[in-house]
Amino acid sequence: MQPSPWDDDAQANGDSTVPQDSAVGGDAHTGDAINTFHQTIESPQPQSIIVGMPQGTISSPYQQMYPLQPHSSASKIVGIFVIILGVFSVLGIFGAFLPQVDLEGNPIESSGIVVAITALNSLAASVFFLVGGIWMTQYKRKGVHLVLLGVGFTFVLGMVAAFLGGDAALASMFGDDAAFAIQAIGNSICSVICGAIVAIPLMNGASSGLDDSRLF
């Protein structure tokens, strides 16, 4: 069987569009591309996945937010009680001029100086406690200082009145020295307790919410 003259003519002319050659070349290149595509889909390359990461490397605005601690309500609560005590002290001004009686109901004769000191003591307590209590409800540190000053001042005036005979007839029952000692101990205990309660906002530190105002 003789070869086709058409093939010889095509080879002699250098024609590269021979069906056999193009079919073989096309099939080879196409097969390589298809095989590579299938290999890429069926067997993907392994990837590195970071499971854990230090928090310091994550930039998030929420990490920089710190909740503010609310102010302690101790200053406001104690200030309200101090204001109430100041109101009762105002009533004590008028009570100093009322007739005094002992434990048995007998009238007590008090000198004018004792009555004046007792009224002054109630007046000072009302001023110190009302003004200081209002400042404490406003979270002013000087309010605590003013109330503590008032506690000390009223203690001194109370001891002066007791020394001058304002002992509510305790001297007739226990004697002068014993009556003065009883009043000194009682006034000291009351002053210490009141001072400790008033100083509670100062013990809370930065969370108290008090400003930087001062009396001393």
N, C-alpha and C. Protein backbone atom coordinates (compact mmCIF):
# COMPACT_ATOMS: atom_id res chain seq x y z
N MET A 1 0.86 -1.20 0.00
CA MET A 1 0.00 0.00 0.00
C MET A 1 0.87 1.22 0.00
N GLN A 2 0.66 2.11 -0.90
CA GLN A 2 1.48 3.31 -1.05
C GLN A 2 0.94 4.46 -0.20
N PRO A 3 1.91 5.24 0.29
CA PRO A 3 1.44 6.40 1.08
C PRO A 3 0.71 7.40 0.22
N SER A 4 -0.12 8.17 0.86
CA SER A 4 -0.94 9.14 0.14
C SER A 4 -0.08 10.28 -0.35
N PRO A 5 -0.28 10.67 -1.53
CA PRO A 5 0.50 11.80 -2.08
C PRO A 5 0.20 13.08 -1.35
N TRP A 6 -0.93 13.15 -0.71
CA TRP A 6 -1.28 14.40 0.03
C TRP A 6 -0.38 14.58 1.23
N ASP A 7 0.03 13.46 1.85
CA ASP A 7 0.92 13.60 3.00
C ASP A 7 2.29 14.07 2.58
N ASP A 8 2.74 13.59 1.45
CA ASP A 8 4.07 14.02 1.00
C ASP A 8 4.08 15.48 0.67
N ASP A 9 3.02 15.92 0.00
CA ASP A 9 2.97 17.34 -0.34
C ASP A 9 2.93 18.22 0.90
N ALA A 10 2.23 17.76 1.92
CA ALA A 10 2.14 18.58 3.14
C ALA A 10 3.46 18.65 3.85
N GLN A 11 4.22 17.50 3.84
CA GLN A 11 5.51 17.51 4.50
C GLN A 11 6.51 18.31 3.71
N ALA A 12 6.42 18.25 2.39
CA ALA A 12 7.35 19.00 1.57
C ALA A 12 7.14 20.48 1.72
N ASN A 13 5.97 20.91 1.87
CA ASN A 13 5.68 22.35 2.02
C ASN A 13 5.90 22.85 3.43
N GLY A 14 6.21 21.97 4.40
CA GLY A 14 6.45 22.39 5.79
C GLY A 14 5.20 22.78 6.51
N ASP A 15 4.08 22.25 6.08
CA ASP A 15 2.81 22.59 6.74
C ASP A 15 2.72 21.86 8.07
N SER A 16 2.53 22.62 9.18
CA SER A 16 2.47 22.03 10.53
C SER A 16 1.07 21.73 10.97
N THR A 17 0.13 21.94 10.08
CA THR A 17 -1.27 21.72 10.45
C THR A 17 -1.74 20.36 10.02
N VAL A 18 -0.85 19.37 10.13
CA VAL A 18 -1.23 18.02 9.79
C VAL A 18 -2.13 17.49 10.88
N PRO A 19 -3.20 16.81 10.54
CA PRO A 19 -4.14 16.36 11.56
C PRO A 19 -3.51 15.47 12.58
N GLN A 20 -2.61 14.54 12.17
CA GLN A 20 -2.05 13.63 13.14
C GLN A 20 -1.19 14.36 14.15
N ASP A 21 -0.32 15.26 13.64
CA ASP A 21 0.59 15.98 14.56
C ASP A 21 -0.20 16.87 15.51
N SER A 22 -1.16 17.59 14.97
CA SER A 22 -1.91 18.50 15.84
C SER A 22 -2.74 17.76 16.86
N ALA A 23 -3.21 16.57 16.45
CA ALA A 23 -4.00 15.80 17.40
C ALA A 23 -3.15 15.30 18.52
N VAL A 24 -1.93 14.83 18.17
CA VAL A 24 -1.06 14.32 19.21
C VAL A 24 -0.62 15.42 20.13
N GLY A 25 -0.20 16.55 19.54
CA GLY A 25 0.24 17.68 20.39
C GLY A 25 -0.88 18.21 21.24
N GLY A 26 -2.05 18.35 20.66
CA GLY A 26 -3.17 18.88 21.43
C GLY A 26 -3.57 17.98 22.54
N ASP A 27 -3.57 16.68 22.28
CA ASP A 27 -3.96 15.76 23.33
C ASP A 27 -2.96 15.76 24.47
N ALA A 28 -1.68 15.89 24.17
CA ALA A 28 -0.66 15.85 25.22
C ALA A 28 -0.76 17.06 26.13
N HIS A 29 -0.82 18.25 25.50
CA HIS A 29 -0.89 19.46 26.32
C HIS A 29 -2.19 19.54 27.08
N THR A 30 -3.25 19.16 26.45
CA THR A 30 -4.54 19.22 27.13
C THR A 30 -4.59 18.24 28.27
N GLY A 31 -4.04 17.09 28.07
CA GLY A 31 -4.03 16.09 29.15
C GLY A 31 -3.23 16.54 30.33
N ASP A 32 -2.05 17.17 30.07
CA ASP A 32 -1.25 17.68 31.19
C ASP A 32 -2.01 18.73 31.98
N ALA A 33 -2.69 19.65 31.30
CA ALA A 33 -3.44 20.71 31.99
C ALA A 33 -4.57 20.13 32.81
N ILE A 34 -5.29 19.15 32.24
CA ILE A 34 -6.40 18.56 32.97
C ILE A 34 -5.92 17.79 34.17
N ASN A 35 -4.82 17.02 33.97
CA ASN A 35 -4.28 16.26 35.10
C ASN A 35 -3.81 17.17 36.21
N THR A 36 -3.15 18.28 35.85
CA THR A 36 -2.70 19.24 36.87
C THR A 36 -3.86 19.87 37.60
N PHE A 37 -4.94 20.21 36.88
CA PHE A 37 -6.12 20.81 37.50
C PHE A 37 -6.76 19.86 38.49
N HIS A 38 -6.89 18.56 38.09
CA HIS A 38 -7.49 17.57 38.98
C HIS A 38 -6.63 17.35 40.22
N GLN A 39 -5.31 17.32 40.03
CA GLN A 39 -4.43 17.14 41.18
C GLN A 39 -4.56 18.30 42.17
N THR A 40 -4.72 19.51 41.63
CA THR A 40 -4.87 20.69 42.50
C THR A 40 -6.14 20.61 43.32
N ILE A 41 -7.23 20.13 42.71
CA ILE A 41 -8.50 20.06 43.44
C ILE A 41 -8.49 18.90 44.42
N GLU A 42 -8.01 17.75 43.97
CA GLU A 42 -8.11 16.56 44.80
C GLU A 42 -7.11 16.56 45.97
N SER A 43 -5.96 17.15 45.77
CA SER A 43 -4.95 17.12 46.85
C SER A 43 -4.43 18.54 47.10
N PRO A 44 -5.18 19.33 47.84
CA PRO A 44 -4.73 20.71 48.12
C PRO A 44 -3.49 20.70 49.00
N GLN A 45 -2.71 21.75 48.88
CA GLN A 45 -1.50 21.87 49.66
C GLN A 45 -1.85 22.12 51.12
N PRO A 46 -1.15 21.50 52.05
CA PRO A 46 -1.44 21.74 53.49
C PRO A 46 -1.12 23.18 53.87
N GLN A 47 -1.95 23.76 54.70
CA GLN A 47 -1.79 25.13 55.15
C GLN A 47 -1.59 25.14 56.66
N SER A 48 -0.79 26.09 57.10
CA SER A 48 -0.54 26.24 58.54
C SER A 48 -1.66 27.05 59.18
N ILE A 49 -2.30 26.50 60.18
CA ILE A 49 -3.40 27.16 60.89
C ILE A 49 -2.96 27.42 62.32
N ILE A 50 -3.00 28.67 62.73
CA ILE A 50 -2.60 29.07 64.08
C ILE A 50 -3.81 28.91 65.00
N VAL A 51 -3.72 27.94 65.89
CA VAL A 51 -4.85 27.68 66.80
C VAL A 51 -4.88 28.68 67.92
N GLY A 52 -3.80 28.92 68.59
CA GLY A 52 -3.75 29.87 69.71
C GLY A 52 -2.81 31.01 69.40
N MET A 53 -3.17 32.20 69.84
CA MET A 53 -2.35 33.37 69.60
C MET A 53 -2.32 34.21 70.86
N PRO A 54 -1.18 34.72 71.30
CA PRO A 54 -1.14 35.56 72.51
C PRO A 54 -2.05 36.77 72.39
N GLN A 55 -2.66 37.10 73.50
CA GLN A 55 -3.60 38.23 73.49
C GLN A 55 -2.91 39.54 73.16
N GLY A 56 -1.64 39.63 73.48
CA GLY A 56 -0.96 40.89 73.22
C GLY A 56 -0.79 41.19 71.76
N THR A 57 -0.87 40.15 70.87
CA THR A 57 -0.71 40.37 69.44
C THR A 57 -2.01 40.70 68.76
N ILE A 58 -3.12 40.62 69.47
CA ILE A 58 -4.42 40.93 68.89
C ILE A 58 -4.77 42.37 69.24
N SER A 59 -4.96 43.16 68.24
CA SER A 59 -5.31 44.57 68.45
C SER A 59 -6.81 44.71 68.43
N SER A 60 -7.37 45.02 69.58
CA SER A 60 -8.82 45.18 69.69
C SER A 60 -9.12 46.37 70.57
N PRO A 61 -10.04 47.22 70.17
CA PRO A 61 -10.35 48.39 71.01
C PRO A 61 -10.95 48.03 72.35
N TYR A 62 -11.53 46.82 72.48
CA TYR A 62 -12.16 46.43 73.74
C TYR A 62 -11.13 46.11 74.81
N GLN A 63 -9.87 45.78 74.40
CA GLN A 63 -8.85 45.48 75.40
C GLN A 63 -8.40 46.72 76.14
N GLN A 64 -8.61 47.89 75.58
CA GLN A 64 -8.17 49.13 76.21
C GLN A 64 -9.26 49.77 77.06
N MET A 65 -10.41 49.17 77.16
CA MET A 65 -11.52 49.75 77.91
C MET A 65 -11.54 49.16 79.31
N TYR A 66 -11.51 50.01 80.31
CA TYR A 66 -11.55 49.59 81.69
C TYR A 66 -12.77 50.23 82.35
N PRO A 67 -13.66 49.45 82.93
CA PRO A 67 -14.86 50.02 83.56
C PRO A 67 -14.49 50.87 84.76
N LEU A 68 -15.11 52.02 84.87
CA LEU A 68 -14.88 52.92 86.00
C LEU A 68 -15.67 52.45 87.20
N GLN A 69 -15.03 52.49 88.35
CA GLN A 69 -15.72 52.08 89.56
C GLN A 69 -16.68 53.19 90.00
N PRO A 70 -17.89 52.84 90.33
CA PRO A 70 -18.82 53.87 90.80
C PRO A 70 -18.40 54.41 92.16
N HIS A 71 -18.76 55.66 92.41
CA HIS A 71 -18.43 56.27 93.69
C HIS A 71 -19.18 55.57 94.81
N SER A 72 -18.51 55.47 95.94
CA SER A 72 -19.14 54.89 97.12
C SER A 72 -20.21 55.84 97.64
N SER A 73 -21.31 55.28 98.08
CA SER A 73 -22.41 56.08 98.61
C SER A 73 -22.25 56.37 100.10
N ALA A 74 -21.11 55.98 100.69
CA ALA A 74 -20.93 56.17 102.14
C ALA A 74 -20.97 57.64 102.52
N SER A 75 -20.34 58.50 101.72
CA SER A 75 -20.32 59.93 102.04
C SER A 75 -21.72 60.52 102.05
N LYS A 76 -22.53 60.14 101.08
CA LYS A 76 -23.89 60.68 101.01
C LYS A 76 -24.76 60.15 102.15
N ILE A 77 -24.65 58.86 102.46
CA ILE A 77 -25.47 58.28 103.53
C ILE A 77 -25.10 58.87 104.88
N VAL A 78 -23.79 58.93 105.18
CA VAL A 78 -23.36 59.51 106.45
C VAL A 78 -23.73 60.98 106.52
N GLY A 79 -23.62 61.68 105.39
CA GLY A 79 -24.00 63.09 105.37
C GLY A 79 -25.46 63.32 105.71
N ILE A 80 -26.33 62.42 105.25
CA ILE A 80 -27.75 62.56 105.57
C ILE A 80 -27.99 62.39 107.07
N PHE A 81 -27.34 61.40 107.68
CA PHE A 81 -27.48 61.20 109.13
C PHE A 81 -26.92 62.40 109.91
N VAL A 82 -25.84 62.97 109.42
CA VAL A 82 -25.27 64.15 110.08
C VAL A 82 -26.23 65.33 109.99
N ILE A 83 -26.90 65.48 108.87
CA ILE A 83 -27.88 66.57 108.73
C ILE A 83 -29.03 66.37 109.72
N ILE A 84 -29.50 65.14 109.86
CA ILE A 84 -30.57 64.86 110.83
C ILE A 84 -30.11 65.20 112.24
N LEU A 85 -28.87 64.85 112.56
CA LEU A 85 -28.33 65.19 113.89
C LEU A 85 -28.23 66.69 114.07
N GLY A 86 -27.91 67.40 113.01
CA GLY A 86 -27.88 68.86 113.09
C GLY A 86 -29.25 69.47 113.35
N VAL A 87 -30.29 68.87 112.77
CA VAL A 87 -31.65 69.35 113.02
C VAL A 87 -32.03 69.17 114.49
N PHE A 88 -31.69 68.02 115.07
CA PHE A 88 -31.97 67.81 116.49
C PHE A 88 -31.15 68.76 117.36
N SER A 89 -29.97 69.13 116.90
CA SER A 89 -29.16 70.08 117.67
C SER A 89 -29.81 71.46 117.70
N VAL A 90 -30.51 71.82 116.63
CA VAL A 90 -31.25 73.09 116.64
C VAL A 90 -32.32 73.07 117.71
N LEU A 91 -32.99 71.94 117.86
CA LEU A 91 -34.00 71.82 118.91
C LEU A 91 -33.35 71.90 120.30
N GLY A 92 -32.09 71.45 120.40
CA GLY A 92 -31.39 71.51 121.68
C GLY A 92 -31.11 72.92 122.14
N ILE A 93 -31.07 73.87 121.22
CA ILE A 93 -30.86 75.28 121.61
C ILE A 93 -32.01 75.75 122.49
N PHE A 94 -33.21 75.42 122.08
CA PHE A 94 -34.38 75.82 122.87
C PHE A 94 -34.52 74.95 124.11
N GLY A 95 -34.09 73.69 124.02
CA GLY A 95 -34.20 72.82 125.18
C GLY A 95 -33.31 73.23 126.33
N ALA A 96 -32.24 73.98 126.04
CA ALA A 96 -31.34 74.42 127.12
C ALA A 96 -32.02 75.40 128.07
N PHE A 97 -33.05 76.09 127.61
CA PHE A 97 -33.74 77.09 128.44
C PHE A 97 -34.98 76.50 129.11
N LEU A 98 -35.28 75.25 128.87
CA LEU A 98 -36.42 74.62 129.54
C LEU A 98 -36.01 74.16 130.94
N PRO A 99 -36.97 74.04 131.86
CA PRO A 99 -36.65 73.56 133.22
C PRO A 99 -36.07 72.16 133.18
N GLN A 100 -35.03 71.93 133.95
CA GLN A 100 -34.36 70.64 134.00
C GLN A 100 -34.79 69.89 135.25
N VAL A 101 -34.92 68.57 135.13
CA VAL A 101 -35.29 67.72 136.25
C VAL A 101 -34.31 66.57 136.34
N ASP A 102 -34.18 65.99 137.52
CA ASP A 102 -33.28 64.86 137.72
C ASP A 102 -34.00 63.55 137.41
N LEU A 103 -33.36 62.44 137.74
CA LEU A 103 -33.94 61.14 137.44
C LEU A 103 -35.21 60.87 138.24
N GLU A 104 -35.36 61.52 139.38
CA GLU A 104 -36.54 61.33 140.22
C GLU A 104 -37.63 62.34 139.93
N GLY A 105 -37.41 63.24 138.99
CA GLY A 105 -38.41 64.24 138.63
C GLY A 105 -38.31 65.53 139.41
N ASN A 106 -37.30 65.68 140.25
CA ASN A 106 -37.14 66.91 141.00
C ASN A 106 -36.48 67.98 140.12
N PRO A 107 -36.90 69.24 140.23
CA PRO A 107 -36.31 70.30 139.40
C PRO A 107 -34.85 70.52 139.76
N ILE A 108 -34.07 70.87 138.73
CA ILE A 108 -32.64 71.13 138.89
C ILE A 108 -32.39 72.61 138.64
N GLU A 109 -31.69 73.23 139.55
CA GLU A 109 -31.32 74.63 139.38
C GLU A 109 -29.97 74.70 138.68
N SER A 110 -29.94 75.32 137.51
CA SER A 110 -28.71 75.48 136.74
C SER A 110 -28.36 76.96 136.66
N SER A 111 -27.07 77.23 136.74
CA SER A 111 -26.61 78.62 136.64
C SER A 111 -26.76 79.12 135.21
N GLY A 112 -26.74 80.45 135.10
CA GLY A 112 -26.89 81.05 133.77
C GLY A 112 -25.75 80.70 132.83
N ILE A 113 -24.52 80.56 133.37
CA ILE A 113 -23.39 80.24 132.52
C ILE A 113 -23.51 78.82 131.96
N VAL A 114 -24.04 77.92 132.78
CA VAL A 114 -24.22 76.54 132.29
C VAL A 114 -25.28 76.50 131.20
N VAL A 115 -26.37 77.25 131.39
CA VAL A 115 -27.41 77.29 130.36
C VAL A 115 -26.86 77.90 129.07
N ALA A 116 -26.06 78.96 129.20
CA ALA A 116 -25.49 79.61 128.01
C ALA A 116 -24.54 78.67 127.27
N ILE A 117 -23.70 77.96 128.01
CA ILE A 117 -22.76 77.04 127.36
C ILE A 117 -23.51 75.89 126.69
N THR A 118 -24.55 75.40 127.36
CA THR A 118 -25.34 74.32 126.77
C THR A 118 -26.01 74.76 125.48
N ALA A 119 -26.57 75.98 125.49
CA ALA A 119 -27.19 76.50 124.27
C ALA A 119 -26.15 76.74 123.17
N LEU A 120 -24.98 77.27 123.56
CA LEU A 120 -23.91 77.48 122.58
C LEU A 120 -23.43 76.15 122.00
N ASN A 121 -23.37 75.15 122.84
CA ASN A 121 -22.97 73.83 122.37
C ASN A 121 -23.94 73.29 121.31
N SER A 122 -25.23 73.44 121.57
CA SER A 122 -26.23 72.98 120.59
C SER A 122 -26.18 73.82 119.32
N LEU A 123 -25.95 75.13 119.46
CA LEU A 123 -25.86 76.00 118.28
C LEU A 123 -24.64 75.63 117.43
N ALA A 124 -23.51 75.42 118.06
CA ALA A 124 -22.30 75.04 117.31
C ALA A 124 -22.49 73.69 116.62
N ALA A 125 -23.10 72.74 117.33
CA ALA A 125 -23.32 71.42 116.73
C ALA A 125 -24.23 71.52 115.52
N SER A 126 -25.27 72.35 115.61
CA SER A 126 -26.20 72.48 114.48
C SER A 126 -25.50 73.08 113.27
N VAL A 127 -24.65 74.09 113.49
CA VAL A 127 -23.95 74.72 112.36
C VAL A 127 -22.95 73.76 111.73
N PHE A 128 -22.12 73.15 112.57
CA PHE A 128 -21.11 72.22 112.06
C PHE A 128 -21.74 71.05 111.32
N PHE A 129 -22.78 70.48 111.92
CA PHE A 129 -23.37 69.27 111.35
C PHE A 129 -24.20 69.56 110.11
N LEU A 130 -24.95 70.63 110.10
CA LEU A 130 -25.77 70.93 108.93
C LEU A 130 -24.90 71.28 107.73
N VAL A 131 -23.96 72.18 107.91
CA VAL A 131 -23.10 72.58 106.79
C VAL A 131 -22.21 71.42 106.35
N GLY A 132 -21.60 70.75 107.32
CA GLY A 132 -20.73 69.62 106.98
C GLY A 132 -21.50 68.48 106.34
N GLY A 133 -22.71 68.20 106.83
CA GLY A 133 -23.51 67.13 106.24
C GLY A 133 -23.91 67.43 104.81
N ILE A 134 -24.25 68.69 104.53
CA ILE A 134 -24.59 69.07 103.15
C ILE A 134 -23.37 68.90 102.24
N TRP A 135 -22.21 69.32 102.72
CA TRP A 135 -20.99 69.14 101.92
C TRP A 135 -20.67 67.67 101.69
N MET A 136 -20.94 66.85 102.68
CA MET A 136 -20.67 65.42 102.51
C MET A 136 -21.58 64.79 101.46
N THR A 137 -22.83 65.21 101.40
CA THR A 137 -23.72 64.69 100.37
C THR A 137 -23.29 65.14 98.98
N GLN A 138 -22.48 66.20 98.91
CA GLN A 138 -21.93 66.68 97.64
C GLN A 138 -20.53 66.14 97.38
N TYR A 139 -20.11 65.16 98.17
CA TYR A 139 -18.80 64.51 98.03
C TYR A 139 -17.65 65.51 98.17
N LYS A 140 -17.78 66.42 99.12
CA LYS A 140 -16.71 67.37 99.41
C LYS A 140 -15.95 66.90 100.65
N ARG A 141 -14.65 66.77 100.50
CA ARG A 141 -13.83 66.26 101.60
C ARG A 141 -13.85 67.20 102.79
N LYS A 142 -13.97 68.49 102.54
CA LYS A 142 -13.99 69.44 103.63
C LYS A 142 -15.22 69.28 104.51
N GLY A 143 -16.27 68.66 104.00
CA GLY A 143 -17.44 68.39 104.82
C GLY A 143 -17.12 67.41 105.94
N VAL A 144 -16.33 66.37 105.62
CA VAL A 144 -15.92 65.42 106.65
C VAL A 144 -15.05 66.13 107.69
N HIS A 145 -14.15 66.98 107.24
CA HIS A 145 -13.28 67.71 108.17
C HIS A 145 -14.10 68.63 109.08
N LEU A 146 -15.12 69.29 108.52
CA LEU A 146 -15.93 70.20 109.32
C LEU A 146 -16.72 69.45 110.39
N VAL A 147 -17.26 68.31 110.03
CA VAL A 147 -18.04 67.54 111.00
C VAL A 147 -17.13 67.00 112.10
N LEU A 148 -15.94 66.53 111.75
CA LEU A 148 -14.99 66.06 112.77
C LEU A 148 -14.58 67.21 113.70
N LEU A 149 -14.41 68.38 113.13
CA LEU A 149 -14.11 69.55 113.96
C LEU A 149 -15.27 69.86 114.90
N GLY A 150 -16.48 69.71 114.39
CA GLY A 150 -17.65 69.95 115.24
C GLY A 150 -17.77 68.94 116.36
N VAL A 151 -17.42 67.69 116.09
CA VAL A 151 -17.47 66.66 117.14
C VAL A 151 -16.49 67.02 118.27
N GLY A 152 -15.28 67.42 117.91
CA GLY A 152 -14.30 67.81 118.93
C GLY A 152 -14.70 69.05 119.69
N PHE A 153 -15.27 70.03 118.98
CA PHE A 153 -15.67 71.28 119.63
C PHE A 153 -16.81 71.06 120.62
N THR A 154 -17.79 70.29 120.23
CA THR A 154 -18.91 70.03 121.14
C THR A 154 -18.48 69.19 122.34
N PHE A 155 -17.49 68.32 122.14
CA PHE A 155 -16.99 67.54 123.28
C PHE A 155 -16.35 68.46 124.32
N VAL A 156 -15.58 69.42 123.87
CA VAL A 156 -14.92 70.35 124.80
C VAL A 156 -15.96 71.20 125.54
N LEU A 157 -16.95 71.74 124.81
CA LEU A 157 -17.98 72.54 125.46
C LEU A 157 -18.80 71.70 126.43
N GLY A 158 -19.06 70.45 126.09
CA GLY A 158 -19.80 69.59 127.00
C GLY A 158 -19.04 69.33 128.29
N MET A 159 -17.74 69.16 128.20
CA MET A 159 -16.94 68.94 129.41
C MET A 159 -16.87 70.20 130.25
N VAL A 160 -16.83 71.37 129.59
CA VAL A 160 -16.82 72.63 130.35
C VAL A 160 -18.14 72.78 131.12
N ALA A 161 -19.25 72.50 130.45
CA ALA A 161 -20.55 72.59 131.13
C ALA A 161 -20.64 71.60 132.29
N ALA A 162 -20.10 70.40 132.10
CA ALA A 162 -20.13 69.40 133.19
C ALA A 162 -19.27 69.85 134.36
N PHE A 163 -18.15 70.48 134.07
CA PHE A 163 -17.27 70.95 135.14
C PHE A 163 -17.91 72.09 135.94
N LEU A 164 -18.74 72.89 135.28
CA LEU A 164 -19.38 74.02 135.95
C LEU A 164 -20.68 73.64 136.65
N GLY A 165 -21.05 72.37 136.60
CA GLY A 165 -22.24 71.94 137.34
C GLY A 165 -23.37 71.44 136.49
N GLY A 166 -23.20 71.41 135.22
CA GLY A 166 -24.26 70.89 134.36
C GLY A 166 -24.17 69.39 134.23
N ASP A 167 -24.41 68.71 135.31
CA ASP A 167 -24.25 67.25 135.33
C ASP A 167 -25.56 66.50 135.52
N ALA A 168 -26.71 67.18 135.34
CA ALA A 168 -28.03 66.55 135.46
C ALA A 168 -28.20 65.88 136.81
N ALA A 169 -27.76 66.55 137.88
CA ALA A 169 -27.92 66.08 139.27
C ALA A 169 -27.17 64.78 139.55
N LEU A 170 -26.17 64.44 138.73
CA LEU A 170 -25.38 63.24 139.03
C LEU A 170 -24.51 63.44 140.26
N ALA A 171 -24.15 64.69 140.54
CA ALA A 171 -23.30 64.95 141.71
C ALA A 171 -24.02 64.63 143.01
N SER A 172 -25.33 64.88 143.04
CA SER A 172 -26.09 64.58 144.25
C SER A 172 -26.22 63.08 144.48
N MET A 173 -26.05 62.28 143.43
CA MET A 173 -26.19 60.83 143.55
C MET A 173 -24.84 60.12 143.74
N PHE A 174 -23.80 60.60 143.03
CA PHE A 174 -22.51 59.90 143.07
C PHE A 174 -21.37 60.76 143.60
N GLY A 175 -21.63 62.05 143.82
CA GLY A 175 -20.56 62.95 144.22
C GLY A 175 -20.02 63.72 143.02
N ASP A 176 -19.30 64.80 143.33
CA ASP A 176 -18.81 65.67 142.25
C ASP A 176 -17.80 64.98 141.35
N ASP A 177 -16.82 64.34 141.92
CA ASP A 177 -15.78 63.70 141.12
C ASP A 177 -16.33 62.55 140.28
N ALA A 178 -17.17 61.74 140.89
CA ALA A 178 -17.73 60.60 140.16
C ALA A 178 -18.66 61.07 139.04
N ALA A 179 -19.43 62.14 139.33
CA ALA A 179 -20.33 62.66 138.30
C ALA A 179 -19.54 63.20 137.10
N PHE A 180 -18.44 63.91 137.39
CA PHE A 180 -17.62 64.43 136.28
C PHE A 180 -16.97 63.30 135.50
N ALA A 181 -16.51 62.26 136.19
CA ALA A 181 -15.88 61.12 135.51
C ALA A 181 -16.89 60.38 134.63
N ILE A 182 -18.11 60.23 135.14
CA ILE A 182 -19.14 59.55 134.34
C ILE A 182 -19.44 60.33 133.06
N GLN A 183 -19.56 61.66 133.19
CA GLN A 183 -19.84 62.46 132.00
C GLN A 183 -18.65 62.48 131.04
N ALA A 184 -17.45 62.49 131.58
CA ALA A 184 -16.26 62.48 130.71
C ALA A 184 -16.19 61.19 129.92
N ILE A 185 -16.44 60.07 130.58
CA ILE A 185 -16.39 58.78 129.88
C ILE A 185 -17.51 58.68 128.84
N GLY A 186 -18.71 59.09 129.25
CA GLY A 186 -19.84 59.03 128.32
C GLY A 186 -19.63 59.92 127.10
N ASN A 187 -19.18 61.16 127.33
CA ASN A 187 -18.94 62.08 126.20
C ASN A 187 -17.81 61.58 125.30
N SER A 188 -16.79 60.98 125.91
CA SER A 188 -15.66 60.46 125.11
C SER A 188 -16.12 59.32 124.21
N ILE A 189 -16.89 58.40 124.77
CA ILE A 189 -17.38 57.27 123.96
C ILE A 189 -18.24 57.76 122.81
N CYS A 190 -19.15 58.68 123.10
CA CYS A 190 -20.03 59.21 122.04
C CYS A 190 -19.23 59.93 120.96
N SER A 191 -18.23 60.71 121.37
CA SER A 191 -17.42 61.46 120.40
C SER A 191 -16.60 60.53 119.53
N VAL A 192 -16.03 59.48 120.13
CA VAL A 192 -15.23 58.54 119.35
C VAL A 192 -16.10 57.80 118.34
N ILE A 193 -17.28 57.35 118.77
CA ILE A 193 -18.18 56.63 117.86
C ILE A 193 -18.63 57.54 116.72
N CYS A 194 -19.02 58.77 117.06
CA CYS A 194 -19.45 59.71 116.02
C CYS A 194 -18.31 60.02 115.06
N GLY A 195 -17.10 60.24 115.61
CA GLY A 195 -15.97 60.53 114.74
C GLY A 195 -15.63 59.38 113.81
N ALA A 196 -15.72 58.13 114.31
CA ALA A 196 -15.43 56.97 113.47
C ALA A 196 -16.45 56.82 112.35
N ILE A 197 -17.72 57.08 112.66
CA ILE A 197 -18.76 56.98 111.62
C ILE A 197 -18.57 58.05 110.56
N VAL A 198 -18.26 59.27 111.00
CA VAL A 198 -18.08 60.37 110.05
C VAL A 198 -16.86 60.12 109.17
N ALA A 199 -15.84 59.48 109.70
CA ALA A 199 -14.59 59.26 108.94
C ALA A 199 -14.68 58.06 107.99
N ILE A 200 -15.79 57.38 107.91
CA ILE A 200 -15.91 56.21 107.02
C ILE A 200 -15.61 56.57 105.56
N PRO A 201 -16.12 57.68 105.02
CA PRO A 201 -15.76 58.01 103.62
C PRO A 201 -14.27 58.18 103.40
N LEU A 202 -13.54 58.65 104.40
CA LEU A 202 -12.09 58.81 104.24
C LEU A 202 -11.38 57.46 104.20
N MET A 203 -11.98 56.43 104.80
CA MET A 203 -11.36 55.10 104.82
C MET A 203 -11.54 54.36 103.51
N ASN A 204 -12.44 54.81 102.64
CA ASN A 204 -12.68 54.11 101.38
C ASN A 204 -11.65 54.42 100.32
N GLY A 205 -10.78 55.39 100.57
CA GLY A 205 -9.72 55.71 99.62
C GLY A 205 -10.25 56.36 98.37
N ALA A 206 -9.71 55.91 97.21
CA ALA A 206 -10.07 56.53 95.94
C ALA A 206 -11.52 56.27 95.55
N SER A 207 -12.10 55.17 96.02
CA SER A 207 -13.47 54.85 95.64
C SER A 207 -14.52 55.68 96.38
N SER A 208 -14.08 56.51 97.33
CA SER A 208 -15.04 57.31 98.09
C SER A 208 -15.68 58.39 97.23
N GLY A 209 -14.96 58.85 96.21
CA GLY A 209 -15.49 59.91 95.34
C GLY A 209 -15.34 61.30 95.91
N LEU A 210 -14.64 61.47 97.02
CA LEU A 210 -14.46 62.79 97.61
C LEU A 210 -13.48 63.61 96.78
N ASP A 211 -13.73 64.91 96.75
CA ASP A 211 -12.84 65.80 96.00
C ASP A 211 -11.61 66.13 96.86
N ASP A 212 -10.83 67.10 96.40
CA ASP A 212 -9.58 67.45 97.08
C ASP A 212 -9.72 68.66 98.00
N SER A 213 -10.92 69.14 98.26
CA SER A 213 -11.10 70.30 99.14
C SER A 213 -10.76 69.93 100.57
N ARG A 214 -10.17 70.88 101.29
CA ARG A 214 -9.72 70.63 102.67
C ARG A 214 -9.99 71.85 103.54
N LEU A 215 -10.19 71.58 104.83
CA LEU A 215 -10.23 72.64 105.83
C LEU A 215 -8.90 72.78 106.55
N PHE A 216 -8.20 71.66 106.69
CA PHE A 216 -6.90 71.66 107.36
C PHE A 216 -6.07 70.49 106.88
